[in-house]
């Protein structure tokens, strides 16, 4: 049995489903299928944000470092999720002017054995620059993901601080 191609994996993923075939074909050149064993880190907060992942199987824990407590998991994402949006944002202020690297806002680690398509952010940026309509659509989709996660965080905070 043949493994699905990157094009096939992108075509059926919740985040990219419904994109025109020509966009999906172009995006497939920026991705590669990956497997990460449970416990393997995808990125750490503050590391270069040079990729993102379309999760097909397993789970990813999103975390950030808290002094005195270590890495604290704030969300767990499963199949159909997209992990990593920091690559879309302009680089933050840096102590060294020469450092124009985009940095991850959060960390991510495989919570269960992970199967995903890993997307090369530089290649996707190039595709978005070449086709502004694709860029607009990807920004729209990432904004939807970000808004949903913000709403989920708000609900978790409300539950955490609810008065009984």
Protein backbone atom coordinates (compact mmCIF):
# COMPACT_ATOMS: atom_id res chain seq x y z
CA UNK A 1 0.00 0.00 0.00
CA UNK A 2 1.38 3.40 -0.98
CA UNK A 3 1.73 6.16 1.57
CA UNK A 4 -0.36 9.25 0.89
CA UNK A 5 1.50 12.11 -0.80
CA UNK A 6 1.97 15.49 0.83
CA UNK A 7 -0.64 16.81 -1.61
CA UNK A 8 -3.11 14.17 -0.39
CA UNK A 9 -2.37 14.91 3.26
CA UNK A 10 -2.82 18.66 2.78
CA UNK A 11 -5.99 18.15 0.73
CA UNK A 12 -7.77 16.28 3.52
CA UNK A 13 -6.53 18.31 6.49
CA UNK A 14 -9.18 20.41 8.27
CA UNK A 15 -7.08 23.58 8.07
CA UNK A 16 -6.44 23.43 4.32
CA UNK A 17 -9.54 21.54 3.18
CA UNK A 18 -11.40 23.30 0.40
CA UNK A 19 -8.42 25.23 -0.94
CA UNK A 20 -8.30 25.28 -4.74
CA UNK A 21 -6.22 22.41 -6.12
CA UNK A 22 -3.59 24.72 -7.60
CA UNK A 23 -2.92 26.24 -4.16
CA UNK A 24 -2.79 22.83 -2.52
CA UNK A 25 -0.31 21.61 -5.15
CA UNK A 26 1.90 24.66 -4.57
CA UNK A 27 1.71 24.26 -0.78
CA UNK A 28 2.62 20.58 -1.06
CA UNK A 29 6.09 21.61 -2.26
CA UNK A 30 6.62 23.38 1.07
CA UNK A 31 5.71 20.37 3.22
CA UNK A 32 6.98 16.98 4.20
CA UNK A 33 5.42 14.16 6.20
CA UNK A 34 6.96 13.72 9.64
CA UNK A 35 6.69 11.36 12.57
CA UNK A 36 7.65 12.50 16.07
CA UNK A 37 7.69 10.09 18.99
CA UNK A 38 5.81 11.04 22.13
CA UNK A 39 7.91 13.45 24.21
CA UNK A 40 9.86 14.85 21.28
CA UNK A 41 9.84 18.65 21.14
CA UNK A 42 8.72 20.40 17.94
CA UNK A 43 9.74 23.86 19.10
CA UNK A 44 10.53 25.80 22.24
CA UNK A 45 9.26 29.25 23.17
CA UNK A 46 11.74 31.78 21.78
CA UNK A 47 13.22 29.40 19.20
CA UNK A 48 13.20 30.36 15.51
CA UNK A 49 9.67 30.14 14.10
CA UNK A 50 10.53 28.63 10.75
CA UNK A 51 7.86 25.95 10.35
CA UNK A 52 4.36 24.87 11.25
CA UNK A 53 2.59 21.52 11.41
CA UNK A 54 -0.68 20.11 10.11
CA UNK A 55 -1.51 17.36 12.63
CA UNK A 56 -2.91 14.14 11.17
CA UNK A 57 -2.46 11.71 14.06
CA UNK A 58 -1.45 11.83 17.69
CA UNK A 59 -1.43 14.95 19.81
CA UNK A 60 0.67 18.03 20.52
CA UNK A 61 0.95 19.80 23.88
CA UNK A 62 1.36 23.57 23.64
CA UNK A 63 3.42 24.95 26.52
CA UNK A 64 5.43 27.88 27.81
CA UNK A 65 8.18 28.21 30.37
CA UNK A 66 7.29 29.44 33.86
CA UNK A 67 10.27 30.21 36.13
CA UNK A 68 10.29 27.86 39.08
CA UNK A 69 7.76 25.52 37.46
CA UNK A 70 9.33 24.61 34.11
CA UNK A 71 7.28 24.01 30.97
CA UNK A 72 3.56 24.36 31.68
CA UNK A 73 1.10 22.82 29.21
CA UNK A 74 -1.73 25.18 28.34
CA UNK A 75 -3.43 23.28 25.53
CA UNK A 76 -3.51 19.88 23.86
CA UNK A 77 -4.23 19.66 20.13
CA UNK A 78 -5.15 16.58 18.11
CA UNK A 79 -5.76 15.51 14.52
CA UNK A 80 -7.05 18.27 12.27
CA UNK A 81 -5.19 20.96 14.22
CA UNK A 82 -2.53 23.31 12.95
CA UNK A 83 0.41 24.01 15.27
CA UNK A 84 2.56 27.11 14.94
CA UNK A 85 1.52 30.57 13.84
CA UNK A 86 4.45 32.69 15.04
CA UNK A 87 6.12 32.43 11.61
CA UNK A 88 3.37 34.71 10.25
CA UNK A 89 4.20 37.60 12.55
CA UNK A 90 6.98 40.11 11.95
CA UNK A 91 10.08 39.64 14.09
CA UNK A 92 9.81 41.18 17.54
CA UNK A 93 12.16 43.71 18.99
CA UNK A 94 15.57 42.23 19.46
CA UNK A 95 18.57 43.18 21.53
CA UNK A 96 20.69 42.79 18.41
CA UNK A 97 19.50 44.73 15.36
CA UNK A 98 20.91 42.08 13.03
CA UNK A 99 18.56 39.43 14.46
CA UNK A 100 15.42 39.61 12.37
CA UNK A 101 14.37 36.04 13.16
CA UNK A 102 10.73 35.32 13.88
CA UNK A 103 10.45 33.62 17.27
CA UNK A 104 8.00 31.03 18.58
CA UNK A 105 5.54 32.51 21.06
CA UNK A 106 4.93 29.08 22.66
CA UNK A 107 6.58 25.68 22.79
CA UNK A 108 5.16 22.46 21.37
CA UNK A 109 5.92 18.83 22.20
CA UNK A 110 4.45 15.58 20.86
CA UNK A 111 2.07 14.45 23.62
CA UNK A 112 1.32 11.20 21.75
CA UNK A 113 3.15 9.75 18.77
CA UNK A 114 2.65 12.40 16.13
CA UNK A 115 2.06 12.16 12.40
CA UNK A 116 1.94 15.51 10.64
CA UNK A 117 2.91 17.51 7.61
CA UNK A 118 5.72 19.86 8.55
CA UNK A 119 5.53 23.05 6.50
CA UNK A 120 8.60 25.16 5.72
CA UNK A 121 7.60 28.73 6.64
CA UNK A 122 10.10 30.42 4.28
CA UNK A 123 8.68 28.52 1.33
CA UNK A 124 5.11 29.32 2.37
CA UNK A 125 6.02 33.01 2.79
CA UNK A 126 7.41 32.96 -0.75
CA UNK A 127 4.22 31.37 -2.11
CA UNK A 128 2.14 33.98 -0.28
CA UNK A 129 4.23 36.81 -1.75
CA UNK A 130 3.84 35.35 -5.24
CA UNK A 131 0.07 34.91 -4.84
CA UNK A 132 -1.52 37.54 -2.56
CA UNK A 133 -4.90 35.76 -2.73
CA UNK A 134 -3.31 32.64 -1.23
CA UNK A 135 -1.65 34.83 1.40
CA UNK A 136 -4.94 36.45 2.31
CA UNK A 137 -6.68 33.08 2.59
CA UNK A 138 -3.96 31.59 4.79
CA UNK A 139 -3.99 34.68 7.03
CA UNK A 140 -7.78 34.40 7.30
CA UNK A 141 -7.55 30.74 8.29
CA UNK A 142 -4.79 31.36 10.84
CA UNK A 143 -6.78 34.24 12.30
CA UNK A 144 -9.71 31.84 12.75
CA UNK A 145 -7.46 29.35 14.55
CA UNK A 146 -6.03 32.09 16.78
CA UNK A 147 -9.49 33.44 17.63
CA UNK A 148 -10.76 29.96 18.52
CA UNK A 149 -7.76 29.32 20.77
CA UNK A 150 -8.16 32.69 22.47
CA UNK A 151 -11.83 31.90 23.16
CA UNK A 152 -10.87 28.48 24.54
CA UNK A 153 -8.25 30.09 26.81
CA UNK A 154 -10.84 32.57 28.03
CA UNK A 155 -13.23 29.73 28.90
CA UNK A 156 -10.47 27.83 30.73
CA UNK A 157 -9.65 30.96 32.75
CA UNK A 158 -13.31 31.48 33.58
CA UNK A 159 -13.54 27.89 34.83
CA UNK A 160 -10.31 28.24 36.78
CA UNK A 161 -11.46 31.40 38.57
CA UNK A 162 -15.17 30.56 38.85
CA UNK A 163 -16.59 31.10 42.29
CA UNK A 164 -18.39 28.03 43.59
